[in-house]
Amino acid sequence: MENKKITRKEALKKIEKHGKYFALTALGTYLILQPKQAQAASPQAPGAGF
């Protein structure tokens, strides 16, 4: 594969095109890497406490 360099302007255009994808990927990664905090924030299982 050819190693092609792009300008900063071209890189920003590519980021604009895929911004939603990048944001969702970052959010998903954050949620996966923070499982204990996500569990602490979730409601108690139904039927628990009997």
C-alpha atoms as a PDB file:
ATOM      1  CA  MET A   1       0.000   0.000   0.000  1.00  0.00           C
ATOM      2  CA  GLU A   2       1.293   3.413  -0.929  1.00  0.00           C
ATOM      3  CA  ASN A   3       2.021   5.748   1.985  1.00  0.00           C
ATOM      4  CA  LYS A   4       0.241   8.956   0.880  1.00  0.00           C
ATOM      5  CA  LYS A   5       0.478  12.112   2.962  1.00  0.00           C
ATOM      6  CA  ILE A   6      -2.510  14.450   3.174  1.00  0.00           C
ATOM      7  CA  THR A   7      -2.727  18.054   4.250  1.00  0.00           C
ATOM      8  CA  ARG A   8      -4.298  19.242   7.472  1.00  0.00           C
ATOM      9  CA  LYS A   9      -7.169  20.752   5.464  1.00  0.00           C
ATOM     10  CA  GLU A  10      -7.893  17.389   3.779  1.00  0.00           C
ATOM     11  CA  ALA A  11      -7.788  15.618   7.145  1.00  0.00           C
ATOM     12  CA  LEU A  12     -10.307  18.062   8.619  1.00  0.00           C
ATOM     13  CA  LYS A  13     -12.655  17.460   5.680  1.00  0.00           C
ATOM     14  CA  LYS A  14     -12.484  13.704   6.287  1.00  0.00           C
ATOM     15  CA  ILE A  15     -13.210  14.193   9.985  1.00  0.00           C
ATOM     16  CA  GLU A  16     -16.241  16.346   9.151  1.00  0.00           C
ATOM     17  CA  LYS A  17     -17.625  13.577   6.932  1.00  0.00           C
ATOM     18  CA  HIS A  18     -17.269  10.911   9.626  1.00  0.00           C
ATOM     19  CA  GLY A  19     -17.855  13.006  12.755  1.00  0.00           C
ATOM     20  CA  LYS A  20     -20.949  11.102  13.930  1.00  0.00           C
ATOM     21  CA  TYR A  21     -19.158   7.764  13.554  1.00  0.00           C
ATOM     22  CA  PHE A  22     -16.171   9.010  15.550  1.00  0.00           C
ATOM     23  CA  ALA A  23     -18.427  10.379  18.289  1.00  0.00           C
ATOM     24  CA  LEU A  24     -20.391   7.127  18.618  1.00  0.00           C
ATOM     25  CA  THR A  25     -17.193   5.079  18.657  1.00  0.00           C
ATOM     26  CA  ALA A  26     -15.718   7.270  21.392  1.00  0.00           C
ATOM     27  CA  LEU A  27     -18.916   7.044  23.447  1.00  0.00           C
ATOM     28  CA  GLY A  28     -19.061   3.266  23.073  1.00  0.00           C
ATOM     29  CA  THR A  29     -15.426   2.909  24.069  1.00  0.00           C
ATOM     30  CA  TYR A  30     -15.973   5.099  27.120  1.00  0.00           C
ATOM     31  CA  LEU A  31     -18.987   3.053  28.231  1.00  0.00           C
ATOM     32  CA  ILE A  32     -17.141  -0.248  27.774  1.00  0.00           C
ATOM     33  CA  LEU A  33     -14.137   0.982  29.754  1.00  0.00           C
ATOM     34  CA  GLN A  34     -16.303   2.265  32.643  1.00  0.00           C
ATOM     35  CA  PRO A  35     -18.397  -0.856  33.508  1.00  0.00           C
ATOM     36  CA  LYS A  36     -18.336  -0.415  37.298  1.00  0.00           C
ATOM     37  CA  GLN A  37     -19.697   3.107  37.097  1.00  0.00           C
ATOM     38  CA  ALA A  38     -22.360   1.997  34.616  1.00  0.00           C
ATOM     39  CA  GLN A  39     -23.443  -0.822  36.958  1.00  0.00           C
ATOM     40  CA  ALA A  40     -23.574   1.518  39.938  1.00  0.00           C
ATOM     41  CA  ALA A  41     -25.860   3.871  38.020  1.00  0.00           C
ATOM     42  CA  SER A  42     -28.230   1.134  36.856  1.00  0.00           C
ATOM     43  CA  PRO A  43     -31.421   0.437  38.842  1.00  0.00           C
ATOM     44  CA  GLN A  44     -31.669  -2.561  41.126  1.00  0.00           C
ATOM     45  CA  ALA A  45     -32.901  -5.799  39.512  1.00  0.00           C
ATOM     46  CA  PRO A  46     -36.670  -6.332  39.744  1.00  0.00           C
ATOM     47  CA  GLY A  47     -37.712  -8.654  42.549  1.00  0.00           C
ATOM     48  CA  ALA A  48     -34.568  -8.133  44.574  1.00  0.00           C
ATOM     49  CA  GLY A  49     -34.792  -7.554  48.303  1.00  0.00           C
ATOM     50  CA  PHE A  50     -37.269 -10.270  49.261  1.00  0.00           C
END
